[in-house]
Amino acid sequence: MFNDTFLKTIFELQEGIKSIITPNNYTLADICFAPLTGPFTGPTTVSHCTIQSIWGYWQDDLKKFENSEEEGNYTVNYLDHFRVCLQ
């Protein structure tokens, strides 16, 4: 589960699902749970949808996931970010 290749594959799958458009022009935004939208916020978009996935720990951002830094003799990467989020 914490393999970076697997997580990137899941990210691609998630982004693919978010971009699906049916032949009748329905999208995820038409059926998703979007609690912060209403009649005065304009049409719901996919960015308003509540999507629960492990990618939420990196704000659905591949650049944040791939970010790594050297601290002393250690490399701080996506696993360290995940560990900090869980504490």
C-alpha atoms as a PDB file:
ATOM      1  CA  MET A   1       0.000   0.000   0.000  1.00  0.00           C
ATOM      2  CA  PHE A   2       2.831   2.433   0.685  1.00  0.00           C
ATOM      3  CA  ASN A   3       4.716   1.647  -2.509  1.00  0.00           C
ATOM      4  CA  ASP A   4       5.114   4.897  -4.448  1.00  0.00           C
ATOM      5  CA  THR A   5       4.444   3.211  -7.811  1.00  0.00           C
ATOM      6  CA  PHE A   6       1.175   1.754  -6.505  1.00  0.00           C
ATOM      7  CA  LEU A   7       0.094   5.082  -5.030  1.00  0.00           C
ATOM      8  CA  LYS A   8       0.831   6.893  -8.307  1.00  0.00           C
ATOM      9  CA  THR A   9      -1.248   4.300 -10.163  1.00  0.00           C
ATOM     10  CA  ILE A  10      -4.121   4.922  -7.741  1.00  0.00           C
ATOM     11  CA  PHE A  11      -3.719   8.663  -8.336  1.00  0.00           C
ATOM     12  CA  GLU A  12      -4.010   8.150 -12.113  1.00  0.00           C
ATOM     13  CA  LEU A  13      -7.120   6.000 -11.581  1.00  0.00           C
ATOM     14  CA  GLN A  14      -8.681   8.627  -9.309  1.00  0.00           C
ATOM     15  CA  GLU A  15      -7.991  11.426 -11.801  1.00  0.00           C
ATOM     16  CA  GLY A  16      -9.417   9.272 -14.596  1.00  0.00           C
ATOM     17  CA  ILE A  17     -12.628   8.716 -12.631  1.00  0.00           C
ATOM     18  CA  LYS A  18     -12.903  12.442 -11.950  1.00  0.00           C
ATOM     19  CA  SER A  19     -12.737  13.168 -15.684  1.00  0.00           C
ATOM     20  CA  ILE A  20     -15.399  10.676 -16.848  1.00  0.00           C
ATOM     21  CA  ILE A  21     -18.215  12.178 -18.905  1.00  0.00           C
ATOM     22  CA  THR A  22     -21.171   9.957 -19.860  1.00  0.00           C
ATOM     23  CA  PRO A  23     -22.860  10.077 -23.267  1.00  0.00           C
ATOM     24  CA  ASN A  24     -25.589  12.184 -21.604  1.00  0.00           C
ATOM     25  CA  ASN A  25     -22.945  14.672 -20.344  1.00  0.00           C
ATOM     26  CA  TYR A  26     -23.131  13.608 -16.695  1.00  0.00           C
ATOM     27  CA  THR A  27     -19.966  13.931 -14.623  1.00  0.00           C
ATOM     28  CA  LEU A  28     -18.941  13.097 -11.085  1.00  0.00           C
ATOM     29  CA  ALA A  29     -20.074  16.596 -10.104  1.00  0.00           C
ATOM     30  CA  ASP A  30     -23.665  15.617 -10.948  1.00  0.00           C
ATOM     31  CA  ILE A  31     -23.767  12.774  -8.422  1.00  0.00           C
ATOM     32  CA  CYS A  32     -21.134  13.513  -5.772  1.00  0.00           C
ATOM     33  CA  PHE A  33     -21.515  14.652  -2.184  1.00  0.00           C
ATOM     34  CA  ALA A  34     -20.533  18.343  -2.144  1.00  0.00           C
ATOM     35  CA  PRO A  35     -21.544  19.724   1.275  1.00  0.00           C
ATOM     36  CA  LEU A  36     -20.055  23.187   0.735  1.00  0.00           C
ATOM     37  CA  THR A  37     -22.194  24.001  -2.283  1.00  0.00           C
ATOM     38  CA  GLY A  38     -25.691  25.365  -2.470  1.00  0.00           C
ATOM     39  CA  PRO A  39     -28.039  27.409  -4.594  1.00  0.00           C
ATOM     40  CA  PHE A  40     -25.923  30.546  -4.154  1.00  0.00           C
ATOM     41  CA  THR A  41     -22.472  29.059  -4.855  1.00  0.00           C
ATOM     42  CA  GLY A  42     -22.990  28.334  -8.530  1.00  0.00           C
ATOM     43  CA  PRO A  43     -22.860  24.981 -10.280  1.00  0.00           C
ATOM     44  CA  THR A  44     -21.090  22.121  -8.530  1.00  0.00           C
ATOM     45  CA  THR A  45     -17.753  21.139 -10.044  1.00  0.00           C
ATOM     46  CA  VAL A  46     -15.624  18.061  -9.426  1.00  0.00           C
ATOM     47  CA  SER A  47     -13.325  20.164  -7.242  1.00  0.00           C
ATOM     48  CA  HIS A  48     -16.267  20.636  -4.831  1.00  0.00           C
ATOM     49  CA  CYS A  49     -16.820  16.870  -4.491  1.00  0.00           C
ATOM     50  CA  THR A  50     -15.853  15.083  -1.307  1.00  0.00           C
ATOM     51  CA  ILE A  51     -13.490  12.312  -2.355  1.00  0.00           C
ATOM     52  CA  GLN A  52     -12.115  10.083   0.352  1.00  0.00           C
ATOM     53  CA  SER A  53      -8.837   8.519  -0.662  1.00  0.00           C
ATOM     54  CA  ILE A  54      -5.326   8.132   0.654  1.00  0.00           C
ATOM     55  CA  TRP A  55      -4.383  10.982  -1.692  1.00  0.00           C
ATOM     56  CA  GLY A  56      -6.065  13.418   0.682  1.00  0.00           C
ATOM     57  CA  TYR A  57      -2.928  13.273   2.824  1.00  0.00           C
ATOM     58  CA  TRP A  58      -1.103  15.023  -0.040  1.00  0.00           C
ATOM     59  CA  GLN A  59      -4.070  17.255  -1.055  1.00  0.00           C
ATOM     60  CA  ASP A  60      -4.418  15.290  -4.350  1.00  0.00           C
ATOM     61  CA  ASP A  61      -1.160  16.903  -5.478  1.00  0.00           C
ATOM     62  CA  LEU A  62       1.469  14.759  -7.173  1.00  0.00           C
ATOM     63  CA  LYS A  63       4.156  17.416  -6.593  1.00  0.00           C
ATOM     64  CA  LYS A  64       3.561  17.323  -2.812  1.00  0.00           C
ATOM     65  CA  PHE A  65       3.750  13.540  -2.942  1.00  0.00           C
ATOM     66  CA  GLU A  66       7.034  13.519  -4.872  1.00  0.00           C
ATOM     67  CA  ASN A  67       8.625  16.201  -2.682  1.00  0.00           C
ATOM     68  CA  SER A  68      11.641  14.931  -0.778  1.00  0.00           C
ATOM     69  CA  GLU A  69      14.235  16.765   1.271  1.00  0.00           C
ATOM     70  CA  GLU A  70      17.512  15.888   2.908  1.00  0.00           C
ATOM     71  CA  GLU A  71      17.599  16.462   6.664  1.00  0.00           C
ATOM     72  CA  GLY A  72      20.917  15.507   8.149  1.00  0.00           C
ATOM     73  CA  ASN A  73      21.674  11.995   6.944  1.00  0.00           C
ATOM     74  CA  TYR A  74      18.018  11.206   6.204  1.00  0.00           C
ATOM     75  CA  THR A  75      15.746  11.625   3.217  1.00  0.00           C
ATOM     76  CA  VAL A  76      12.321  12.944   4.195  1.00  0.00           C
ATOM     77  CA  ASN A  77       9.669  11.872   1.681  1.00  0.00           C
ATOM     78  CA  TYR A  78       6.009  10.947   1.222  1.00  0.00           C
ATOM     79  CA  LEU A  79       6.168   8.268   3.923  1.00  0.00           C
ATOM     80  CA  ASP A  80       7.367  10.759   6.527  1.00  0.00           C
ATOM     81  CA  HIS A  81       4.581  13.166   5.561  1.00  0.00           C
ATOM     82  CA  PHE A  82       2.036  10.369   5.968  1.00  0.00           C
ATOM     83  CA  ARG A  83       3.480   9.396   9.378  1.00  0.00           C
ATOM     84  CA  VAL A  84       3.277  12.997  10.616  1.00  0.00           C
ATOM     85  CA  CYS A  85      -0.355  13.242   9.460  1.00  0.00           C
ATOM     86  CA  LEU A  86      -1.251  10.153  11.458  1.00  0.00           C
ATOM     87  CA  GLN A  87       0.215  11.423  14.709  1.00  0.00           C
END
